[in-house]
Amino acid sequence: MNIGLIRVLTLSDQKEIDRHGLIIEGAFSGLKVRSRCIEDHPKGLYDKISEEEAKPKIISLAKELRKGVEAIIVSCAADPAVKELKEILNIPVIGAGESLASVSRTLGGSVGVITITNNVPDPVRRGLGERYLTWKKVEGVESTLDLKEGDILARTLNTATALRKQGSNVIALACTGFSTAGVAPKISKELGMPVVDPVLAAGSIVYNLMLNKECWREDVED
Protein backbone atom coordinates (compact mmCIF):
# COMPACT_ATOMS: atom_id res chain seq x y z
CA MET A 1 0.00 0.00 0.00
CA ASN A 2 1.46 3.35 -1.04
CA ILE A 3 1.33 6.16 1.52
CA GLY A 4 2.19 9.84 1.27
CA LEU A 5 3.79 11.47 4.32
CA ILE A 6 4.20 15.18 4.93
CA ARG A 7 6.98 16.48 7.18
CA VAL A 8 6.37 19.92 8.69
CA LEU A 9 10.08 20.51 9.27
CA THR A 10 11.90 21.92 6.25
CA LEU A 11 14.84 19.66 5.38
CA SER A 12 17.22 19.58 2.41
CA ASP A 13 18.54 16.03 2.80
CA GLN A 14 16.10 13.50 1.33
CA LYS A 15 17.38 10.84 3.73
CA GLU A 16 16.24 13.03 6.62
CA ILE A 17 12.93 13.77 4.91
CA ASP A 18 12.40 10.01 4.54
CA ARG A 19 13.20 9.21 8.18
CA HIS A 20 9.62 9.01 9.48
CA GLY A 21 8.54 7.02 6.45
CA LEU A 22 11.35 4.55 7.02
CA ILE A 23 10.27 4.16 10.65
CA ILE A 24 6.80 3.19 9.42
CA GLU A 25 8.10 0.87 6.69
CA GLY A 26 10.36 -0.86 9.19
CA ALA A 27 7.50 -1.50 11.59
CA PHE A 28 4.66 -2.36 9.22
CA SER A 29 5.21 -4.78 6.35
CA GLY A 30 3.43 -3.88 3.15
CA LEU A 31 3.46 -0.10 3.60
CA LYS A 32 5.53 1.97 1.19
CA VAL A 33 5.93 5.62 2.12
CA ARG A 34 6.73 8.57 -0.13
CA SER A 35 7.77 11.60 1.93
CA ARG A 36 7.88 15.31 1.23
CA CYS A 37 8.43 18.36 3.44
CA ILE A 38 6.94 21.84 3.38
CA GLU A 39 9.09 24.87 2.68
CA ASP A 40 10.17 27.78 4.89
CA HIS A 41 9.78 26.06 8.26
CA PRO A 42 13.36 25.29 9.34
CA LYS A 43 12.29 25.04 13.01
CA GLY A 44 9.16 23.03 12.31
CA LEU A 45 5.88 24.01 13.97
CA TYR A 46 6.07 25.20 17.56
CA ASP A 47 3.06 27.48 18.18
CA LYS A 48 -0.36 28.44 16.79
CA ILE A 49 1.13 31.04 14.47
CA SER A 50 3.54 28.64 12.78
CA GLU A 51 0.75 26.05 12.49
CA GLU A 52 -1.56 28.48 10.71
CA GLU A 53 1.23 29.63 8.39
CA ALA A 54 1.95 26.00 7.47
CA LYS A 55 -1.62 24.97 6.66
CA PRO A 56 -1.82 26.20 3.04
CA LYS A 57 1.59 24.67 2.34
CA ILE A 58 0.48 21.33 3.74
CA ILE A 59 -2.73 21.42 1.71
CA SER A 60 -0.84 22.22 -1.49
CA LEU A 61 1.69 19.47 -0.87
CA ALA A 62 -1.03 16.93 -0.03
CA LYS A 63 -2.74 17.64 -3.35
CA GLU A 64 0.55 16.91 -5.12
CA LEU A 65 1.16 13.73 -3.11
CA ARG A 66 -2.41 12.54 -3.73
CA LYS A 67 -1.43 11.09 -7.09
CA GLY A 68 -0.38 7.48 -6.64
CA VAL A 69 -1.05 7.07 -2.90
CA GLU A 70 -3.95 5.53 -0.97
CA ALA A 71 -3.61 7.58 2.22
CA ILE A 72 -1.70 10.58 3.54
CA ILE A 73 -0.09 11.06 6.94
CA VAL A 74 0.63 14.53 8.30
CA SER A 75 3.59 13.92 10.57
CA CYS A 76 2.88 16.49 13.27
CA ALA A 77 1.11 16.01 16.61
CA ALA A 78 -0.82 19.26 16.13
CA ASP A 79 -2.46 17.80 12.98
CA PRO A 80 -2.24 21.05 10.99
CA ALA A 81 -4.61 21.07 7.98
CA VAL A 82 -5.76 17.51 8.70
CA LYS A 83 -9.37 18.55 9.21
CA GLU A 84 -9.33 20.56 5.99
CA LEU A 85 -7.70 17.76 4.01
CA LYS A 86 -10.25 15.20 5.20
CA GLU A 87 -12.89 17.38 3.54
CA ILE A 88 -10.90 18.09 0.37
CA LEU A 89 -9.38 14.71 -0.52
CA ASN A 90 -11.18 11.47 -1.28
CA ILE A 91 -8.56 9.32 0.47
CA PRO A 92 -7.91 8.87 4.22
CA VAL A 93 -5.84 11.62 5.84
CA ILE A 94 -4.27 10.64 9.15
CA GLY A 95 -2.81 13.04 11.68
CA ALA A 96 -0.06 11.97 14.05
CA GLY A 97 -1.85 13.76 16.91
CA GLU A 98 -5.21 12.03 16.54
CA SER A 99 -3.40 8.70 16.09
CA LEU A 100 -1.29 9.27 19.20
CA ALA A 101 -4.42 9.98 21.24
CA SER A 102 -6.25 6.94 19.89
CA VAL A 103 -3.48 4.48 20.67
CA SER A 104 -2.66 6.05 24.05
CA ARG A 105 -6.23 5.98 25.34
CA THR A 106 -6.49 2.33 24.31
CA LEU A 107 -3.38 1.35 26.28
CA GLY A 108 -4.17 3.01 29.60
CA GLY A 109 -6.63 4.83 31.78
CA SER A 110 -4.42 7.74 32.84
CA VAL A 111 -2.33 9.27 30.06
CA GLY A 112 0.50 11.70 30.70
CA VAL A 113 1.54 13.81 27.71
CA ILE A 114 5.07 15.02 27.01
CA THR A 115 5.29 18.16 24.87
CA ILE A 116 7.84 20.57 23.43
CA THR A 117 5.41 23.50 23.71
CA ASN A 118 3.58 25.20 26.56
CA ASN A 119 0.36 23.35 25.87
CA VAL A 120 -0.96 19.97 24.76
CA PRO A 121 -1.76 19.91 21.02
CA ASP A 122 -5.53 20.20 20.55
CA PRO A 123 -6.01 16.89 18.69
CA VAL A 124 -4.15 15.02 21.43
CA ARG A 125 -6.05 16.64 24.31
CA ARG A 126 -9.40 16.26 22.57
CA GLY A 127 -8.72 12.70 21.47
CA LEU A 128 -7.68 11.50 24.92
CA GLY A 129 -10.92 12.69 26.46
CA GLU A 130 -11.41 11.40 30.00
CA ARG A 131 -8.20 9.35 29.78
CA TYR A 132 -6.08 12.53 29.86
CA LEU A 133 -4.38 13.03 33.22
CA THR A 134 -1.66 15.67 32.94
CA TRP A 135 1.18 16.98 30.80
CA LYS A 136 4.75 18.22 31.11
CA LYS A 137 7.15 20.00 28.76
CA VAL A 138 10.69 18.72 28.33
CA GLU A 139 13.03 21.15 30.03
CA GLY A 140 15.03 23.36 27.68
CA VAL A 141 13.18 22.37 24.51
CA GLU A 142 11.59 25.09 22.37
CA SER A 143 11.32 23.41 18.95
CA THR A 144 11.78 20.01 17.35
CA LEU A 145 15.40 20.92 16.56
CA ASP A 146 16.21 20.76 20.28
CA LEU A 147 15.23 17.07 20.29
CA LYS A 148 18.44 16.35 18.40
CA GLU A 149 20.62 17.32 21.35
CA GLY A 150 22.77 14.60 22.89
CA ASP A 151 21.08 14.55 26.30
CA ILE A 152 17.51 14.55 25.02
CA LEU A 153 16.91 10.93 26.07
CA ALA A 154 17.86 11.71 29.67
CA ARG A 155 15.72 14.86 29.76
CA THR A 156 12.72 13.11 28.23
CA LEU A 157 13.15 10.20 30.63
CA ASN A 158 13.14 12.64 33.56
CA THR A 159 9.94 14.18 32.23
CA ALA A 160 8.28 10.78 31.81
CA THR A 161 9.35 9.76 35.31
CA ALA A 162 7.70 12.87 36.74
CA LEU A 163 4.47 12.07 34.89
CA ARG A 164 4.50 8.52 36.19
CA LYS A 165 4.87 9.82 39.74
CA GLN A 166 1.76 11.93 39.13
CA GLY A 167 -0.21 8.79 38.28
CA SER A 168 0.23 8.33 34.53
CA ASN A 169 0.21 4.72 33.37
CA VAL A 170 0.80 5.60 29.70
CA ILE A 171 3.08 8.27 28.25
CA ALA A 172 2.14 9.99 24.97
CA LEU A 173 4.97 11.76 23.12
CA ALA A 174 3.27 14.79 21.57
CA CYS A 175 5.85 15.71 18.93
CA THR A 176 7.05 13.65 15.98
CA GLY A 177 10.56 14.90 16.73
CA PHE A 178 10.57 12.32 19.52
CA SER A 179 10.16 9.71 16.79
CA THR A 180 13.23 11.03 15.01
CA ALA A 181 15.14 10.82 18.29
CA GLY A 182 13.93 7.24 18.83
CA VAL A 183 13.31 7.69 22.55
CA ALA A 184 10.00 5.82 23.02
CA PRO A 185 11.28 2.21 23.28
CA LYS A 186 14.15 3.21 25.55
CA ILE A 187 11.91 5.10 27.96
CA SER A 188 9.31 2.33 27.88
CA LYS A 189 11.94 -0.23 28.82
CA GLU A 190 13.37 1.96 31.57
CA LEU A 191 10.00 2.73 33.18
CA GLY A 192 8.23 -0.54 32.41
CA MET A 193 5.17 1.16 30.93
CA PRO A 194 3.77 2.00 27.47
CA VAL A 195 5.32 5.03 25.79
CA VAL A 196 3.52 5.87 22.56
CA ASP A 197 5.46 7.13 19.53
CA PRO A 198 3.32 9.43 17.32
CA VAL A 199 4.79 8.32 13.98
CA LEU A 200 4.31 4.65 14.82
CA ALA A 201 0.80 5.42 16.05
CA ALA A 202 -0.06 6.97 12.68
CA GLY A 203 1.56 4.03 10.91
CA SER A 204 -0.56 1.59 12.91
CA ILE A 205 -3.75 3.32 11.76
CA VAL A 206 -2.70 3.09 8.11
CA TYR A 207 -1.61 -0.52 8.57
CA ASN A 208 -5.07 -1.35 9.90
CA LEU A 209 -6.54 0.38 6.86
CA MET A 210 -4.38 -1.79 4.59
CA LEU A 211 -5.48 -4.99 6.33
CA ASN A 212 -9.12 -3.98 6.02
CA LYS A 213 -8.65 -3.34 2.30
CA GLU A 214 -7.01 -6.72 1.83
CA CYS A 215 -9.89 -8.47 3.60
CA TRP A 216 -12.38 -6.55 1.47
CA ARG A 217 -10.57 -7.59 -1.71
CA GLU A 218 -10.56 -11.25 -0.62
CA ASP A 219 -14.30 -11.11 0.04
CA VAL A 220 -14.90 -9.65 -3.42
CA GLU A 221 -12.77 -12.33 -5.08
CA ASP A 222 -14.55 -15.11 -3.19
C-alpha atoms as a PDB file:
ATOM      1  CA  MET A   1       0.000   0.000   0.000  1.00  0.00           C
ATOM      2  CA  ASN A   2       1.456   3.347  -1.038  1.00  0.00           C
ATOM      3  CA  ILE A   3       1.327   6.160   1.520  1.00  0.00           C
ATOM      4  CA  GLY A   4       2.186   9.843   1.275  1.00  0.00           C
ATOM      5  CA  LEU A   5       3.786  11.468   4.317  1.00  0.00           C
ATOM      6  CA  ILE A   6       4.205  15.183   4.930  1.00  0.00           C
ATOM      7  CA  ARG A   7       6.980  16.480   7.178  1.00  0.00           C
ATOM      8  CA  VAL A   8       6.370  19.920   8.686  1.00  0.00           C
ATOM      9  CA  LEU A   9      10.075  20.509   9.266  1.00  0.00           C
ATOM     10  CA  THR A  10      11.903  21.917   6.249  1.00  0.00           C
ATOM     11  CA  LEU A  11      14.836  19.660   5.381  1.00  0.00           C
ATOM     12  CA  SER A  12      17.223  19.575   2.414  1.00  0.00           C
ATOM     13  CA  ASP A  13      18.539  16.029   2.803  1.00  0.00           C
ATOM     14  CA  GLN A  14      16.098  13.497   1.327  1.00  0.00           C
ATOM     15  CA  LYS A  15      17.379  10.842   3.731  1.00  0.00           C
ATOM     16  CA  GLU A  16      16.241  13.025   6.619  1.00  0.00           C
ATOM     17  CA  ILE A  17      12.928  13.768   4.911  1.00  0.00           C
ATOM     18  CA  ASP A  18      12.397  10.011   4.544  1.00  0.00           C
ATOM     19  CA  ARG A  19      13.199   9.212   8.179  1.00  0.00           C
ATOM     20  CA  HIS A  20       9.623   9.011   9.476  1.00  0.00           C
ATOM     21  CA  GLY A  21       8.543   7.019   6.446  1.00  0.00           C
ATOM     22  CA  LEU A  22      11.355   4.553   7.022  1.00  0.00           C
ATOM     23  CA  ILE A  23      10.270   4.156  10.647  1.00  0.00           C
ATOM     24  CA  ILE A  24       6.799   3.193   9.421  1.00  0.00           C
ATOM     25  CA  GLU A  25       8.097   0.871   6.692  1.00  0.00           C
ATOM     26  CA  GLY A  26      10.361  -0.856   9.188  1.00  0.00           C
ATOM     27  CA  ALA A  27       7.501  -1.496  11.592  1.00  0.00           C
ATOM     28  CA  PHE A  28       4.661  -2.362   9.219  1.00  0.00           C
ATOM     29  CA  SER A  29       5.210  -4.781   6.353  1.00  0.00           C
ATOM     30  CA  GLY A  30       3.433  -3.875   3.149  1.00  0.00           C
ATOM     31  CA  LEU A  31       3.462  -0.098   3.600  1.00  0.00           C
ATOM     32  CA  LYS A  32       5.532   1.972   1.190  1.00  0.00           C
ATOM     33  CA  VAL A  33       5.933   5.625   2.119  1.00  0.00           C
ATOM     34  CA  ARG A  34       6.728   8.568  -0.134  1.00  0.00           C
ATOM     35  CA  SER A  35       7.766  11.596   1.929  1.00  0.00           C
ATOM     36  CA  ARG A  36       7.884  15.312   1.225  1.00  0.00           C
ATOM     37  CA  CYS A  37       8.427  18.359   3.438  1.00  0.00           C
ATOM     38  CA  ILE A  38       6.936  21.835   3.383  1.00  0.00           C
ATOM     39  CA  GLU A  39       9.093  24.874   2.685  1.00  0.00           C
ATOM     40  CA  ASP A  40      10.168  27.781   4.887  1.00  0.00           C
ATOM     41  CA  HIS A  41       9.777  26.059   8.261  1.00  0.00           C
ATOM     42  CA  PRO A  42      13.364  25.293   9.341  1.00  0.00           C
ATOM     43  CA  LYS A  43      12.291  25.036  13.005  1.00  0.00           C
ATOM     44  CA  GLY A  44       9.158  23.028  12.308  1.00  0.00           C
ATOM     45  CA  LEU A  45       5.884  24.013  13.974  1.00  0.00           C
ATOM     46  CA  TYR A  46       6.068  25.199  17.560  1.00  0.00           C
ATOM     47  CA  ASP A  47       3.065  27.476  18.182  1.00  0.00           C
ATOM     48  CA  LYS A  48      -0.356  28.437  16.792  1.00  0.00           C
ATOM     49  CA  ILE A  49       1.127  31.040  14.466  1.00  0.00           C
ATOM     50  CA  SER A  50       3.539  28.635  12.780  1.00  0.00           C
ATOM     51  CA  GLU A  51       0.750  26.055  12.493  1.00  0.00           C
ATOM     52  CA  GLU A  52      -1.564  28.484  10.714  1.00  0.00           C
ATOM     53  CA  GLU A  53       1.232  29.627   8.389  1.00  0.00           C
ATOM     54  CA  ALA A  54       1.947  26.005   7.471  1.00  0.00           C
ATOM     55  CA  LYS A  55      -1.624  24.966   6.662  1.00  0.00           C
ATOM     56  CA  PRO A  56      -1.823  26.195   3.036  1.00  0.00           C
ATOM     57  CA  LYS A  57       1.590  24.667   2.337  1.00  0.00           C
ATOM     58  CA  ILE A  58       0.481  21.333   3.744  1.00  0.00           C
ATOM     59  CA  ILE A  59      -2.735  21.416   1.715  1.00  0.00           C
ATOM     60  CA  SER A  60      -0.844  22.222  -1.488  1.00  0.00           C
ATOM     61  CA  LEU A  61       1.691  19.468  -0.872  1.00  0.00           C
ATOM     62  CA  ALA A  62      -1.035  16.930  -0.033  1.00  0.00           C
ATOM     63  CA  LYS A  63      -2.739  17.642  -3.354  1.00  0.00           C
ATOM     64  CA  GLU A  64       0.551  16.907  -5.125  1.00  0.00           C
ATOM     65  CA  LEU A  65       1.159  13.729  -3.113  1.00  0.00           C
ATOM     66  CA  ARG A  66      -2.407  12.543  -3.725  1.00  0.00           C
ATOM     67  CA  LYS A  67      -1.425  11.091  -7.094  1.00  0.00           C
ATOM     68  CA  GLY A  68      -0.380   7.477  -6.637  1.00  0.00           C
ATOM     69  CA  VAL A  69      -1.052   7.069  -2.903  1.00  0.00           C
ATOM     70  CA  GLU A  70      -3.952   5.533  -0.974  1.00  0.00           C
ATOM     71  CA  ALA A  71      -3.614   7.578   2.216  1.00  0.00           C
ATOM     72  CA  ILE A  72      -1.702  10.577   3.539  1.00  0.00           C
ATOM     73  CA  ILE A  73      -0.090  11.057   6.943  1.00  0.00           C
ATOM     74  CA  VAL A  74       0.628  14.533   8.302  1.00  0.00           C
ATOM     75  CA  SER A  75       3.593  13.920  10.574  1.00  0.00           C
ATOM     76  CA  CYS A  76       2.884  16.487  13.273  1.00  0.00           C
ATOM     77  CA  ALA A  77       1.110  16.014  16.606  1.00  0.00           C
ATOM     78  CA  ALA A  78      -0.818  19.262  16.126  1.00  0.00           C
ATOM     79  CA  ASP A  79      -2.459  17.799  12.983  1.00  0.00           C
ATOM     80  CA  PRO A  80      -2.237  21.054  10.987  1.00  0.00           C
ATOM     81  CA  ALA A  81      -4.615  21.072   7.979  1.00  0.00           C
ATOM     82  CA  VAL A  82      -5.757  17.507   8.700  1.00  0.00           C
ATOM     83  CA  LYS A  83      -9.370  18.553   9.215  1.00  0.00           C
ATOM     84  CA  GLU A  84      -9.332  20.558   5.990  1.00  0.00           C
ATOM     85  CA  LEU A  85      -7.703  17.765   4.009  1.00  0.00           C
ATOM     86  CA  LYS A  86     -10.246  15.202   5.205  1.00  0.00           C
ATOM     87  CA  GLU A  87     -12.888  17.378   3.543  1.00  0.00           C
ATOM     88  CA  ILE A  88     -10.900  18.088   0.368  1.00  0.00           C
ATOM     89  CA  LEU A  89      -9.379  14.714  -0.520  1.00  0.00           C
ATOM     90  CA  ASN A  90     -11.178  11.467  -1.278  1.00  0.00           C
ATOM     91  CA  ILE A  91      -8.559   9.320   0.474  1.00  0.00           C
ATOM     92  CA  PRO A  92      -7.909   8.871   4.223  1.00  0.00           C
ATOM     93  CA  VAL A  93      -5.836  11.621   5.839  1.00  0.00           C
ATOM     94  CA  ILE A  94      -4.271  10.643   9.149  1.00  0.00           C
ATOM     95  CA  GLY A  95      -2.805  13.043  11.681  1.00  0.00           C
ATOM     96  CA  ALA A  96      -0.063  11.971  14.054  1.00  0.00           C
ATOM     97  CA  GLY A  97      -1.853  13.761  16.905  1.00  0.00           C
ATOM     98  CA  GLU A  98      -5.209  12.028  16.541  1.00  0.00           C
ATOM     99  CA  SER A  99      -3.396   8.703  16.088  1.00  0.00           C
ATOM    100  CA  LEU A 100      -1.294   9.271  19.196  1.00  0.00           C
ATOM    101  CA  ALA A 101      -4.417   9.976  21.242  1.00  0.00           C
ATOM    102  CA  SER A 102      -6.253   6.943  19.893  1.00  0.00           C
ATOM    103  CA  VAL A 103      -3.475   4.479  20.668  1.00  0.00           C
ATOM    104  CA  SER A 104      -2.663   6.045  24.047  1.00  0.00           C
ATOM    105  CA  ARG A 105      -6.229   5.976  25.341  1.00  0.00           C
ATOM    106  CA  THR A 106      -6.491   2.328  24.315  1.00  0.00           C
ATOM    107  CA  LEU A 107      -3.382   1.349  26.279  1.00  0.00           C
ATOM    108  CA  GLY A 108      -4.171   3.006  29.599  1.00  0.00           C
ATOM    109  CA  GLY A 109      -6.630   4.830  31.780  1.00  0.00           C
ATOM    110  CA  SER A 110      -4.421   7.744  32.840  1.00  0.00           C
ATOM    111  CA  VAL A 111      -2.332   9.266  30.063  1.00  0.00           C
ATOM    112  CA  GLY A 112       0.503  11.695  30.698  1.00  0.00           C
ATOM    113  CA  VAL A 113       1.541  13.814  27.713  1.00  0.00           C
ATOM    114  CA  ILE A 114       5.070  15.021  27.008  1.00  0.00           C
ATOM    115  CA  THR A 115       5.288  18.155  24.866  1.00  0.00           C
ATOM    116  CA  ILE A 116       7.838  20.575  23.427  1.00  0.00           C
ATOM    117  CA  THR A 117       5.413  23.501  23.712  1.00  0.00           C
ATOM    118  CA  ASN A 118       3.584  25.198  26.557  1.00  0.00           C
ATOM    119  CA  ASN A 119       0.361  23.354  25.866  1.00  0.00           C
ATOM    120  CA  VAL A 120      -0.958  19.968  24.757  1.00  0.00           C
ATOM    121  CA  PRO A 121      -1.762  19.912  21.015  1.00  0.00           C
ATOM    122  CA  ASP A 122      -5.530  20.200  20.555  1.00  0.00           C
ATOM    123  CA  PRO A 123      -6.011  16.891  18.691  1.00  0.00           C
ATOM    124  CA  VAL A 124      -4.153  15.015  21.430  1.00  0.00           C
ATOM    125  CA  ARG A 125      -6.047  16.638  24.309  1.00  0.00           C
ATOM    126  CA  ARG A 126      -9.397  16.261  22.575  1.00  0.00           C
ATOM    127  CA  GLY A 127      -8.718  12.697  21.473  1.00  0.00           C
ATOM    128  CA  LEU A 128      -7.676  11.501  24.916  1.00  0.00           C
ATOM    129  CA  GLY A 129     -10.918  12.694  26.463  1.00  0.00           C
ATOM    130  CA  GLU A 130     -11.414  11.399  29.997  1.00  0.00           C
ATOM    131  CA  ARG A 131      -8.203   9.349  29.776  1.00  0.00           C
ATOM    132  CA  TYR A 132      -6.083  12.528  29.858  1.00  0.00           C
ATOM    133  CA  LEU A 133      -4.381  13.032  33.216  1.00  0.00           C
ATOM    134  CA  THR A 134      -1.662  15.667  32.940  1.00  0.00           C
ATOM    135  CA  TRP A 135       1.182  16.977  30.803  1.00  0.00           C
ATOM    136  CA  LYS A 136       4.745  18.224  31.108  1.00  0.00           C
ATOM    137  CA  LYS A 137       7.149  20.004  28.760  1.00  0.00           C
ATOM    138  CA  VAL A 138      10.692  18.716  28.334  1.00  0.00           C
ATOM    139  CA  GLU A 139      13.031  21.145  30.026  1.00  0.00           C
ATOM    140  CA  GLY A 140      15.031  23.363  27.683  1.00  0.00           C
ATOM    141  CA  VAL A 141      13.176  22.366  24.513  1.00  0.00           C
ATOM    142  CA  GLU A 142      11.592  25.087  22.368  1.00  0.00           C
ATOM    143  CA  SER A 143      11.321  23.410  18.955  1.00  0.00           C
ATOM    144  CA  THR A 144      11.777  20.012  17.353  1.00  0.00           C
ATOM    145  CA  LEU A 145      15.402  20.919  16.555  1.00  0.00           C
ATOM    146  CA  ASP A 146      16.210  20.760  20.280  1.00  0.00           C
ATOM    147  CA  LEU A 147      15.228  17.073  20.287  1.00  0.00           C
ATOM    148  CA  LYS A 148      18.444  16.352  18.400  1.00  0.00           C
ATOM    149  CA  GLU A 149      20.618  17.321  21.354  1.00  0.00           C
ATOM    150  CA  GLY A 150      22.772  14.599  22.893  1.00  0.00           C
ATOM    151  CA  ASP A 151      21.084  14.553  26.300  1.00  0.00           C
ATOM    152  CA  ILE A 152      17.511  14.549  25.021  1.00  0.00           C
ATOM    153  CA  LEU A 153      16.907  10.932  26.070  1.00  0.00           C
ATOM    154  CA  ALA A 154      17.863  11.715  29.674  1.00  0.00           C
ATOM    155  CA  ARG A 155      15.723  14.862  29.755  1.00  0.00           C
ATOM    156  CA  THR A 156      12.718  13.108  28.226  1.00  0.00           C
ATOM    157  CA  LEU A 157      13.146  10.201  30.635  1.00  0.00           C
ATOM    158  CA  ASN A 158      13.139  12.639  33.560  1.00  0.00           C
ATOM    159  CA  THR A 159       9.935  14.180  32.225  1.00  0.00           C
ATOM    160  CA  ALA A 160       8.280  10.780  31.811  1.00  0.00           C
ATOM    161  CA  THR A 161       9.353   9.759  35.307  1.00  0.00           C
ATOM    162  CA  ALA A 162       7.702  12.868  36.744  1.00  0.00           C
ATOM    163  CA  LEU A 163       4.473  12.073  34.886  1.00  0.00           C
ATOM    164  CA  ARG A 164       4.502   8.519  36.193  1.00  0.00           C
ATOM    165  CA  LYS A 165       4.870   9.816  39.744  1.00  0.00           C
ATOM    166  CA  GLN A 166       1.756  11.928  39.134  1.00  0.00           C
ATOM    167  CA  GLY A 167      -0.208   8.787  38.276  1.00  0.00           C
ATOM    168  CA  SER A 168       0.232   8.330  34.527  1.00  0.00           C
ATOM    169  CA  ASN A 169       0.207   4.718  33.367  1.00  0.00           C
ATOM    170  CA  VAL A 170       0.795   5.597  29.697  1.00  0.00           C
ATOM    171  CA  ILE A 171       3.083   8.267  28.245  1.00  0.00           C
ATOM    172  CA  ALA A 172       2.142   9.987  24.974  1.00  0.00           C
ATOM    173  CA  LEU A 173       4.969  11.755  23.125  1.00  0.00           C
ATOM    174  CA  ALA A 174       3.273  14.786  21.566  1.00  0.00           C
ATOM    175  CA  CYS A 175       5.850  15.708  18.930  1.00  0.00           C
ATOM    176  CA  THR A 176       7.050  13.647  15.983  1.00  0.00           C
ATOM    177  CA  GLY A 177      10.558  14.897  16.726  1.00  0.00           C
ATOM    178  CA  PHE A 178      10.568  12.324  19.519  1.00  0.00           C
ATOM    179  CA  SER A 179      10.158   9.708  16.791  1.00  0.00           C
ATOM    180  CA  THR A 180      13.231  11.026  15.007  1.00  0.00           C
ATOM    181  CA  ALA A 181      15.145  10.818  18.294  1.00  0.00           C
ATOM    182  CA  GLY A 182      13.934   7.238  18.832  1.00  0.00           C
ATOM    183  CA  VAL A 183      13.314   7.689  22.550  1.00  0.00           C
ATOM    184  CA  ALA A 184      10.000   5.820  23.015  1.00  0.00           C
ATOM    185  CA  PRO A 185      11.278   2.210  23.282  1.00  0.00           C
ATOM    186  CA  LYS A 186      14.146   3.211  25.550  1.00  0.00           C
ATOM    187  CA  ILE A 187      11.911   5.097  27.963  1.00  0.00           C
ATOM    188  CA  SER A 188       9.313   2.335  27.877  1.00  0.00           C
ATOM    189  CA  LYS A 189      11.944  -0.234  28.822  1.00  0.00           C
ATOM    190  CA  GLU A 190      13.370   1.960  31.570  1.00  0.00           C
ATOM    191  CA  LEU A 191      10.005   2.725  33.178  1.00  0.00           C
ATOM    192  CA  GLY A 192       8.232  -0.540  32.407  1.00  0.00           C
ATOM    193  CA  MET A 193       5.169   1.163  30.929  1.00  0.00           C
ATOM    194  CA  PRO A 194       3.767   2.001  27.469  1.00  0.00           C
ATOM    195  CA  VAL A 195       5.319   5.031  25.787  1.00  0.00           C
ATOM    196  CA  VAL A 196       3.525   5.871  22.559  1.00  0.00           C
ATOM    197  CA  ASP A 197       5.462   7.135  19.533  1.00  0.00           C
ATOM    198  CA  PRO A 198       3.318   9.427  17.321  1.00  0.00           C
ATOM    199  CA  VAL A 199       4.786   8.319  13.983  1.00  0.00           C
ATOM    200  CA  LEU A 200       4.310   4.646  14.818  1.00  0.00           C
ATOM    201  CA  ALA A 201       0.800   5.421  16.051  1.00  0.00           C
ATOM    202  CA  ALA A 202      -0.061   6.973  12.676  1.00  0.00           C
ATOM    203  CA  GLY A 203       1.557   4.032  10.907  1.00  0.00           C
ATOM    204  CA  SER A 204      -0.559   1.592  12.909  1.00  0.00           C
ATOM    205  CA  ILE A 205      -3.748   3.322  11.764  1.00  0.00           C
ATOM    206  CA  VAL A 206      -2.695   3.095   8.115  1.00  0.00           C
ATOM    207  CA  TYR A 207      -1.610  -0.524   8.566  1.00  0.00           C
ATOM    208  CA  ASN A 208      -5.073  -1.347   9.904  1.00  0.00           C
ATOM    209  CA  LEU A 209      -6.540   0.377   6.857  1.00  0.00           C
ATOM    210  CA  MET A 210      -4.385  -1.786   4.592  1.00  0.00           C
ATOM    211  CA  LEU A 211      -5.477  -4.995   6.333  1.00  0.00           C
ATOM    212  CA  ASN A 212      -9.119  -3.982   6.016  1.00  0.00           C
ATOM    213  CA  LYS A 213      -8.652  -3.338   2.304  1.00  0.00           C
ATOM    214  CA  GLU A 214      -7.006  -6.720   1.831  1.00  0.00           C
ATOM    215  CA  CYS A 215      -9.890  -8.472   3.601  1.00  0.00           C
ATOM    216  CA  TRP A 216     -12.375  -6.551   1.467  1.00  0.00           C
ATOM    217  CA  ARG A 217     -10.571  -7.594  -1.711  1.00  0.00           C
ATOM    218  CA  GLU A 218     -10.558 -11.248  -0.619  1.00  0.00           C
ATOM    219  CA  ASP A 219     -14.301 -11.115   0.039  1.00  0.00           C
ATOM    220  CA  VAL A 220     -14.902  -9.646  -3.417  1.00  0.00           C
ATOM    221  CA  GLU A 221     -12.767 -12.329  -5.084  1.00  0.00           C
ATOM    222  CA  ASP A 222     -14.552 -15.110  -3.190  1.00  0.00           C
END
